[in-house]
Amino acid sequence: MFLGIGIGYVLRNWSILQKTEKTISLTIFLLLFILGVSIGSNSLIVNNLGKFGWQAIVLAVSGVLGSLIAARLVLQLFFRKGGE
């Protein structure tokens, strides 16, 4: 990942790389759609959705809350107003 970031930084002025920014979002949405279709067509997952659903909700909510708490801590530690 860091190698990709470095290469992207070095090649940031290439016009072809600036155009890829628009297609990245479309590609991610397409991949998520295909993932949803794959999950929806899997009878094991659909039949056990009630069992797996609660676990997925708990994991998702925990992940979001953890991210919010971490973002708040980073904001307070590194981006204080007035140079406190």
PDB file of N, CA and C in Angstrom:
ATOM      1  N   MET A   1       0.827  -1.185   0.000  1.00  0.00           N
ATOM      2  CA  MET A   1       0.000   0.000   0.000  1.00  0.00           C
ATOM      3  C   MET A   1       0.875   1.253   0.000  1.00  0.00           C
ATOM      4  N   PHE A   2       1.913   1.240   0.839  1.00  0.00           N
ATOM      5  CA  PHE A   2       2.785   2.410   0.900  1.00  0.00           C
ATOM      6  C   PHE A   2       3.547   2.608  -0.406  1.00  0.00           C
ATOM      7  N   LEU A   3       3.897   1.511  -1.054  1.00  0.00           N
ATOM      8  CA  LEU A   3       4.557   1.614  -2.352  1.00  0.00           C
ATOM      9  C   LEU A   3       3.626   2.268  -3.364  1.00  0.00           C
ATOM     10  N   GLY A   4       2.358   1.871  -3.355  1.00  0.00           N
ATOM     11  CA  GLY A   4       1.375   2.483  -4.248  1.00  0.00           C
ATOM     12  C   GLY A   4       1.183   3.962  -3.971  1.00  0.00           C
ATOM     13  N   ILE A   5       1.178   4.336  -2.701  1.00  0.00           N
ATOM     14  CA  ILE A   5       1.051   5.753  -2.338  1.00  0.00           C
ATOM     15  C   ILE A   5       2.254   6.532  -2.851  1.00  0.00           C
ATOM     16  N   GLY A   6       3.440   5.961  -2.678  1.00  0.00           N
ATOM     17  CA  GLY A   6       4.649   6.629  -3.155  1.00  0.00           C
ATOM     18  C   GLY A   6       4.659   6.800  -4.665  1.00  0.00           C
ATOM     19  N   ILE A   7       4.292   5.754  -5.381  1.00  0.00           N
ATOM     20  CA  ILE A   7       4.243   5.842  -6.843  1.00  0.00           C
ATOM     21  C   ILE A   7       3.182   6.839  -7.278  1.00  0.00           C
ATOM     22  N   GLY A   8       2.037   6.822  -6.627  1.00  0.00           N
ATOM     23  CA  GLY A   8       0.985   7.788  -6.948  1.00  0.00           C
ATOM     24  C   GLY A   8       1.425   9.216  -6.707  1.00  0.00           C
ATOM     25  N   TYR A   9       2.187   9.428  -5.650  1.00  0.00           N
ATOM     26  CA  TYR A   9       2.688  10.775  -5.353  1.00  0.00           C
ATOM     27  C   TYR A   9       3.666  11.238  -6.425  1.00  0.00           C
ATOM     28  N   VAL A  10       4.548  10.354  -6.840  1.00  0.00           N
ATOM     29  CA  VAL A  10       5.534  10.713  -7.863  1.00  0.00           C
ATOM     30  C   VAL A  10       4.854  10.985  -9.205  1.00  0.00           C
ATOM     31  N   LEU A  11       3.839  10.206  -9.536  1.00  0.00           N
ATOM     32  CA  LEU A  11       3.177  10.321 -10.839  1.00  0.00           C
ATOM     33  C   LEU A  11       1.896  11.151 -10.789  1.00  0.00           C
ATOM     34  N   ARG A  12       1.701  11.942  -9.761  1.00  0.00           N
ATOM     35  CA  ARG A  12       0.439  12.663  -9.565  1.00  0.00           C
ATOM     36  C   ARG A  12       0.118  13.668 -10.658  1.00  0.00           C
ATOM     37  N   ASN A  13       1.091  14.117 -11.407  1.00  0.00           N
ATOM     38  CA  ASN A  13       0.839  15.109 -12.452  1.00  0.00           C
ATOM     39  C   ASN A  13       0.483  14.490 -13.800  1.00  0.00           C
ATOM     40  N   TRP A  14       0.520  13.183 -13.917  1.00  0.00           N
ATOM     41  CA  TRP A  14       0.144  12.531 -15.166  1.00  0.00           C
ATOM     42  C   TRP A  14      -1.358  12.669 -15.357  1.00  0.00           C
ATOM     43  N   SER A  15      -1.767  13.096 -16.532  1.00  0.00           N
ATOM     44  CA  SER A  15      -3.192  13.346 -16.782  1.00  0.00           C
ATOM     45  C   SER A  15      -4.015  12.066 -16.707  1.00  0.00           C
ATOM     46  N   ILE A  16      -3.450  10.939 -17.095  1.00  0.00           N
ATOM     47  CA  ILE A  16      -4.199   9.682 -17.052  1.00  0.00           C
ATOM     48  C   ILE A  16      -4.542   9.298 -15.615  1.00  0.00           C
ATOM     49  N   LEU A  17      -3.654   9.583 -14.679  1.00  0.00           N
ATOM     50  CA  LEU A  17      -3.928   9.261 -13.279  1.00  0.00           C
ATOM     51  C   LEU A  17      -4.988  10.173 -12.691  1.00  0.00           C
ATOM     52  N   GLN A  18      -5.060  11.407 -13.164  1.00  0.00           N
ATOM     53  CA  GLN A  18      -6.078  12.327 -12.665  1.00  0.00           C
ATOM     54  C   GLN A  18      -7.468  11.904 -13.136  1.00  0.00           C
ATOM     55  N   LYS A  19      -7.547  11.242 -14.285  1.00  0.00           N
ATOM     56  CA  LYS A  19      -8.839  10.780 -14.798  1.00  0.00           C
ATOM     57  C   LYS A  19      -9.318   9.516 -14.094  1.00  0.00           C
ATOM     58  N   THR A  20      -8.415   8.747 -13.514  1.00  0.00           N
ATOM     59  CA  THR A  20      -8.814   7.511 -12.845  1.00  0.00           C
ATOM     60  C   THR A  20      -9.609   7.776 -11.577  1.00  0.00           C
ATOM     61  N   GLU A  21      -9.493   8.957 -11.036  1.00  0.00           N
ATOM     62  CA  GLU A  21     -10.208   9.305  -9.811  1.00  0.00           C
ATOM     63  C   GLU A  21     -11.716   9.106  -9.970  1.00  0.00           C
ATOM     64  N   LYS A  22     -12.241   9.428 -11.147  1.00  0.00           N
ATOM     65  CA  LYS A  22     -13.683   9.299 -11.400  1.00  0.00           C
ATOM     66  C   LYS A  22     -14.110   7.843 -11.493  1.00  0.00           C
ATOM     67  N   THR A  23     -13.250   7.006 -12.043  1.00  0.00           N
ATOM     68  CA  THR A  23     -13.633   5.610 -12.231  1.00  0.00           C
ATOM     69  C   THR A  23     -13.477   4.769 -10.969  1.00  0.00           C
ATOM     70  N   ILE A  24     -12.700   5.229 -10.019  1.00  0.00           N
ATOM     71  CA  ILE A  24     -12.488   4.448  -8.797  1.00  0.00           C
ATOM     72  C   ILE A  24     -13.793   4.286  -8.026  1.00  0.00           C
ATOM     73  N   SER A  25     -14.558   5.352  -7.871  1.00  0.00           N
ATOM     74  CA  SER A  25     -15.831   5.260  -7.146  1.00  0.00           C
ATOM     75  C   SER A  25     -16.794   4.325  -7.854  1.00  0.00           C
ATOM     76  N   LEU A  26     -16.872   4.425  -9.165  1.00  0.00           N
ATOM     77  CA  LEU A  26     -17.755   3.531  -9.920  1.00  0.00           C
ATOM     78  C   LEU A  26     -17.332   2.073  -9.760  1.00  0.00           C
ATOM     79  N   THR A  27     -16.049   1.824  -9.770  1.00  0.00           N
ATOM     80  CA  THR A  27     -15.550   0.461  -9.605  1.00  0.00           C
ATOM     81  C   THR A  27     -15.889  -0.081  -8.225  1.00  0.00           C
ATOM     82  N   ILE A  28     -15.743   0.734  -7.200  1.00  0.00           N
ATOM     83  CA  ILE A  28     -16.066   0.297  -5.836  1.00  0.00           C
ATOM     84  C   ILE A  28     -17.557   0.003  -5.707  1.00  0.00           C
ATOM     85  N   PHE A  29     -18.404   0.871  -6.267  1.00  0.00           N
ATOM     86  CA  PHE A  29     -19.846   0.624  -6.218  1.00  0.00           C
ATOM     87  C   PHE A  29     -20.207  -0.660  -6.958  1.00  0.00           C
ATOM     88  N   LEU A  30     -19.573  -0.904  -8.099  1.00  0.00           N
ATOM     89  CA  LEU A  30     -19.836  -2.124  -8.856  1.00  0.00           C
ATOM     90  C   LEU A  30     -19.414  -3.358  -8.064  1.00  0.00           C
ATOM     91  N   LEU A  31     -18.254  -3.304  -7.429  1.00  0.00           N
ATOM     92  CA  LEU A  31     -17.799  -4.437  -6.620  1.00  0.00           C
ATOM     93  C   LEU A  31     -18.730  -4.701  -5.439  1.00  0.00           C
ATOM     94  N   LEU A  32     -19.201  -3.645  -4.793  1.00  0.00           N
ATOM     95  CA  LEU A  32     -20.145  -3.824  -3.681  1.00  0.00           C
ATOM     96  C   LEU A  32     -21.465  -4.411  -4.160  1.00  0.00           C
ATOM     97  N   PHE A  33     -21.920  -3.989  -5.337  1.00  0.00           N
ATOM     98  CA  PHE A  33     -23.154  -4.538  -5.905  1.00  0.00           C
ATOM     99  C   PHE A  33     -22.986  -6.026  -6.193  1.00  0.00           C
ATOM    100  N   ILE A  34     -21.869  -6.393  -6.803  1.00  0.00           N
ATOM    101  CA  ILE A  34     -21.614  -7.798  -7.111  1.00  0.00           C
ATOM    102  C   ILE A  34     -21.501  -8.613  -5.826  1.00  0.00           C
ATOM    103  N   LEU A  35     -20.889  -8.057  -4.796  1.00  0.00           N
ATOM    104  CA  LEU A  35     -20.815  -8.736  -3.505  1.00  0.00           C
ATOM    105  C   LEU A  35     -22.214  -8.968  -2.941  1.00  0.00           C
ATOM    106  N   GLY A  36     -23.084  -7.969  -3.049  1.00  0.00           N
ATOM    107  CA  GLY A  36     -24.461  -8.119  -2.585  1.00  0.00           C
ATOM    108  C   GLY A  36     -25.214  -9.196  -3.345  1.00  0.00           C
ATOM    109  N   VAL A  37     -25.030  -9.242  -4.655  1.00  0.00           N
ATOM    110  CA  VAL A  37     -25.669 -10.282  -5.468  1.00  0.00           C
ATOM    111  C   VAL A  37     -25.152 -11.655  -5.059  1.00  0.00           C
ATOM    112  N   SER A  38     -23.863 -11.757  -4.829  1.00  0.00           N
ATOM    113  CA  SER A  38     -23.267 -13.027  -4.417  1.00  0.00           C
ATOM    114  C   SER A  38     -23.812 -13.484  -3.065  1.00  0.00           C
ATOM    115  N   ILE A  39     -23.925 -12.569  -2.130  1.00  0.00           N
ATOM    116  CA  ILE A  39     -24.475 -12.911  -0.815  1.00  0.00           C
ATOM    117  C   ILE A  39     -25.947 -13.285  -0.933  1.00  0.00           C
ATOM    118  N   GLY A  40     -26.696 -12.529  -1.722  1.00  0.00           N
ATOM    119  CA  GLY A  40     -28.117 -12.812  -1.892  1.00  0.00           C
ATOM    120  C   GLY A  40     -28.390 -14.146  -2.561  1.00  0.00           C
ATOM    121  N   SER A  41     -27.480 -14.607  -3.392  1.00  0.00           N
ATOM    122  CA  SER A  41     -27.681 -15.879  -4.084  1.00  0.00           C
ATOM    123  C   SER A  41     -27.175 -17.072  -3.276  1.00  0.00           C
ATOM    124  N   ASN A  42     -26.532 -16.838  -2.156  1.00  0.00           N
ATOM    125  CA  ASN A  42     -26.018 -17.911  -1.308  1.00  0.00           C
ATOM    126  C   ASN A  42     -27.114 -18.328  -0.331  1.00  0.00           C
ATOM    127  N   SER A  43     -27.678 -19.514  -0.543  1.00  0.00           N
ATOM    128  CA  SER A  43     -28.807 -19.959   0.283  1.00  0.00           C
ATOM    129  C   SER A  43     -28.411 -20.170   1.741  1.00  0.00           C
ATOM    130  N   LEU A  44     -27.181 -20.556   2.009  1.00  0.00           N
ATOM    131  CA  LEU A  44     -26.734 -20.745   3.391  1.00  0.00           C
ATOM    132  C   LEU A  44     -26.804 -19.434   4.166  1.00  0.00           C
ATOM    133  N   ILE A  45     -26.341 -18.362   3.558  1.00  0.00           N
ATOM    134  CA  ILE A  45     -26.373 -17.058   4.223  1.00  0.00           C
ATOM    135  C   ILE A  45     -27.804 -16.566   4.367  1.00  0.00           C
ATOM    136  N   VAL A  46     -28.596 -16.680   3.308  1.00  0.00           N
ATOM    137  CA  VAL A  46     -29.979 -16.190   3.349  1.00  0.00           C
ATOM    138  C   VAL A  46     -30.796 -16.962   4.378  1.00  0.00           C
ATOM    139  N   ASN A  47     -30.622 -18.278   4.441  1.00  0.00           N
ATOM    140  CA  ASN A  47     -31.386 -19.090   5.396  1.00  0.00           C
ATOM    141  C   ASN A  47     -30.987 -18.827   6.844  1.00  0.00           C
ATOM    142  N   ASN A  48     -29.764 -18.408   7.078  1.00  0.00           N
ATOM    143  CA  ASN A  48     -29.289 -18.144   8.437  1.00  0.00           C
ATOM    144  C   ASN A  48     -29.125 -16.658   8.707  1.00  0.00           C
ATOM    145  N   LEU A  49     -29.827 -15.828   7.959  1.00  0.00           N
ATOM    146  CA  LEU A  49     -29.683 -14.385   8.093  1.00  0.00           C
ATOM    147  C   LEU A  49     -30.053 -13.905   9.492  1.00  0.00           C
ATOM    148  N   GLY A  50     -31.061 -14.502  10.096  1.00  0.00           N
ATOM    149  CA  GLY A  50     -31.444 -14.125  11.455  1.00  0.00           C
ATOM    150  C   GLY A  50     -30.329 -14.374  12.451  1.00  0.00           C
ATOM    151  N   LYS A  51     -29.649 -15.496  12.297  1.00  0.00           N
ATOM    152  CA  LYS A  51     -28.547 -15.842  13.195  1.00  0.00           C
ATOM    153  C   LYS A  51     -27.327 -14.960  12.928  1.00  0.00           C
ATOM    154  N   PHE A  52     -26.959 -14.832  11.664  1.00  0.00           N
ATOM    155  CA  PHE A  52     -25.788 -14.038  11.305  1.00  0.00           C
ATOM    156  C   PHE A  52     -26.063 -12.544  11.381  1.00  0.00           C
ATOM    157  N   GLY A  53     -27.307 -12.159  11.191  1.00  0.00           N
ATOM    158  CA  GLY A  53     -27.655 -10.739  11.137  1.00  0.00           C
ATOM    159  C   GLY A  53     -27.318  -9.985  12.406  1.00  0.00           C
ATOM    160  N   TRP A  54     -27.650 -10.562  13.555  1.00  0.00           N
ATOM    161  CA  TRP A  54     -27.367  -9.877  14.820  1.00  0.00           C
ATOM    162  C   TRP A  54     -25.874  -9.740  15.055  1.00  0.00           C
ATOM    163  N   GLN A  55     -25.135 -10.780  14.727  1.00  0.00           N
ATOM    164  CA  GLN A  55     -23.681 -10.712  14.880  1.00  0.00           C
ATOM    165  C   GLN A  55     -23.099  -9.639  13.964  1.00  0.00           C
ATOM    166  N   ALA A  56     -23.609  -9.570  12.747  1.00  0.00           N
ATOM    167  CA  ALA A  56     -23.119  -8.569  11.793  1.00  0.00           C
ATOM    168  C   ALA A  56     -23.445  -7.161  12.264  1.00  0.00           C
ATOM    169  N   ILE A  57     -24.643  -6.974  12.812  1.00  0.00           N
ATOM    170  CA  ILE A  57     -25.036  -5.649  13.304  1.00  0.00           C
ATOM    171  C   ILE A  57     -24.147  -5.233  14.473  1.00  0.00           C
ATOM    172  N   VAL A  58     -23.904  -6.158  15.392  1.00  0.00           N
ATOM    173  CA  VAL A  58     -23.052  -5.846  16.547  1.00  0.00           C
ATOM    174  C   VAL A  58     -21.641  -5.492  16.086  1.00  0.00           C
ATOM    175  N   LEU A  59     -21.088  -6.255  15.156  1.00  0.00           N
ATOM    176  CA  LEU A  59     -19.745  -5.965  14.647  1.00  0.00           C
ATOM    177  C   LEU A  59     -19.697  -4.627  13.917  1.00  0.00           C
ATOM    178  N   ALA A  60     -20.710  -4.348  13.106  1.00  0.00           N
ATOM    179  CA  ALA A  60     -20.726  -3.095  12.349  1.00  0.00           C
ATOM    180  C   ALA A  60     -20.842  -1.890  13.279  1.00  0.00           C
ATOM    181  N   VAL A  61     -21.749  -1.965  14.248  1.00  0.00           N
ATOM    182  CA  VAL A  61     -21.929  -0.855  15.186  1.00  0.00           C
ATOM    183  C   VAL A  61     -20.670  -0.662  16.030  1.00  0.00           C
ATOM    184  N   SER A  62     -20.067  -1.758  16.458  1.00  0.00           N
ATOM    185  CA  SER A  62     -18.827  -1.656  17.237  1.00  0.00           C
ATOM    186  C   SER A  62     -17.715  -1.015  16.416  1.00  0.00           C
ATOM    187  N   GLY A  63     -17.610  -1.396  15.162  1.00  0.00           N
ATOM    188  CA  GLY A  63     -16.595  -0.808  14.289  1.00  0.00           C
ATOM    189  C   GLY A  63     -16.800   0.675  14.067  1.00  0.00           C
ATOM    190  N   VAL A  64     -18.049   1.075  13.845  1.00  0.00           N
ATOM    191  CA  VAL A  64     -18.351   2.491  13.633  1.00  0.00           C
ATOM    192  C   VAL A  64     -18.076   3.289  14.903  1.00  0.00           C
ATOM    193  N   LEU A  65     -18.522   2.783  16.046  1.00  0.00           N
ATOM    194  CA  LEU A  65     -18.278   3.490  17.306  1.00  0.00           C
ATOM    195  C   LEU A  65     -16.786   3.594  17.612  1.00  0.00           C
ATOM    196  N   GLY A  66     -16.048   2.522  17.375  1.00  0.00           N
ATOM    197  CA  GLY A  66     -14.607   2.563  17.586  1.00  0.00           C
ATOM    198  C   GLY A  66     -13.926   3.578  16.681  1.00  0.00           C
ATOM    199  N   SER A  67     -14.367   3.664  15.437  1.00  0.00           N
ATOM    200  CA  SER A  67     -13.801   4.641  14.502  1.00  0.00           C
ATOM    201  C   SER A  67     -14.122   6.064  14.929  1.00  0.00           C
ATOM    202  N   LEU A  68     -15.342   6.291  15.394  1.00  0.00           N
ATOM    203  CA  LEU A  68     -15.721   7.629  15.851  1.00  0.00           C
ATOM    204  C   LEU A  68     -14.911   8.049  17.077  1.00  0.00           C
ATOM    205  N   ILE A  69     -14.730   7.122  18.000  1.00  0.00           N
ATOM    206  CA  ILE A  69     -13.946   7.429  19.201  1.00  0.00           C
ATOM    207  C   ILE A  69     -12.492   7.717  18.827  1.00  0.00           C
ATOM    208  N   ALA A  70     -11.924   6.903  17.945  1.00  0.00           N
ATOM    209  CA  ALA A  70     -10.537   7.118  17.520  1.00  0.00           C
ATOM    210  C   ALA A  70     -10.391   8.442  16.783  1.00  0.00           C
ATOM    211  N   ALA A  71     -11.351   8.777  15.923  1.00  0.00           N
ATOM    212  CA  ALA A  71     -11.287  10.049  15.194  1.00  0.00           C
ATOM    213  C   ALA A  71     -11.374  11.223  16.153  1.00  0.00           C
ATOM    214  N   ARG A  72     -12.218  11.106  17.151  1.00  0.00           N
ATOM    215  CA  ARG A  72     -12.357  12.175  18.143  1.00  0.00           C
ATOM    216  C   ARG A  72     -11.053  12.370  18.925  1.00  0.00           C
ATOM    217  N   LEU A  73     -10.421  11.267  19.316  1.00  0.00           N
ATOM    218  CA  LEU A  73      -9.154  11.354  20.036  1.00  0.00           C
ATOM    219  C   LEU A  73      -8.061  11.981  19.174  1.00  0.00           C
ATOM    220  N   VAL A  74      -7.979  11.577  17.917  1.00  0.00           N
ATOM    221  CA  VAL A  74      -6.977  12.154  17.013  1.00  0.00           C
ATOM    222  C   VAL A  74      -7.239  13.636  16.824  1.00  0.00           C
ATOM    223  N   LEU A  75      -8.498  14.002  16.676  1.00  0.00           N
ATOM    224  CA  LEU A  75      -8.861  15.413  16.504  1.00  0.00           C
ATOM    225  C   LEU A  75      -8.439  16.227  17.721  1.00  0.00           C
ATOM    226  N   GLN A  76      -8.703  15.714  18.905  1.00  0.00           N
ATOM    227  CA  GLN A  76      -8.353  16.438  20.124  1.00  0.00           C
ATOM    228  C   GLN A  76      -6.845  16.488  20.355  1.00  0.00           C
ATOM    229  N   LEU A  77      -6.142  15.425  20.027  1.00  0.00           N
ATOM    230  CA  LEU A  77      -4.705  15.374  20.291  1.00  0.00           C
ATOM    231  C   LEU A  77      -3.872  16.154  19.282  1.00  0.00           C
ATOM    232  N   PHE A  78      -4.263  16.130  18.017  1.00  0.00           N
ATOM    233  CA  PHE A  78      -3.407  16.679  16.975  1.00  0.00           C
ATOM    234  C   PHE A  78      -3.931  17.940  16.302  1.00  0.00           C
ATOM    235  N   PHE A  79      -5.191  18.258  16.467  1.00  0.00           N
ATOM    236  CA  PHE A  79      -5.770  19.400  15.770  1.00  0.00           C
ATOM    237  C   PHE A  79      -6.466  20.345  16.741  1.00  0.00           C
ATOM    238  N   ARG A  80      -5.755  20.747  17.770  1.00  0.00           N
ATOM    239  CA  ARG A  80      -6.325  21.664  18.759  1.00  0.00           C
ATOM    240  C   ARG A  80      -6.344  23.074  18.205  1.00  0.00           C
ATOM    241  N   LYS A  81      -7.354  23.825  18.589  1.00  0.00           N
ATOM    242  CA  LYS A  81      -7.464  25.221  18.153  1.00  0.00           C
ATOM    243  C   LYS A  81      -6.611  26.117  19.034  1.00  0.00           C
ATOM    244  N   GLY A  82      -6.040  27.152  18.447  1.00  0.00           N
ATOM    245  CA  GLY A  82      -5.310  28.151  19.203  1.00  0.00           C
ATOM    246  C   GLY A  82      -3.963  27.698  19.721  1.00  0.00           C
ATOM    247  N   GLY A  83      -3.441  26.598  19.234  1.00  0.00           N
ATOM    248  CA  GLY A  83      -2.119  26.139  19.639  1.00  0.00           C
ATOM    249  C   GLY A  83      -2.027  25.736  21.090  1.00  0.00           C
ATOM    250  N   GLU A  84      -3.079  25.216  21.647  1.00  0.00           N
ATOM    251  CA  GLU A  84      -3.104  24.805  23.054  1.00  0.00           C
ATOM    252  C   GLU A  84      -2.111  23.704  23.324  1.00  0.00           C
TER     253      GLU A  84
END
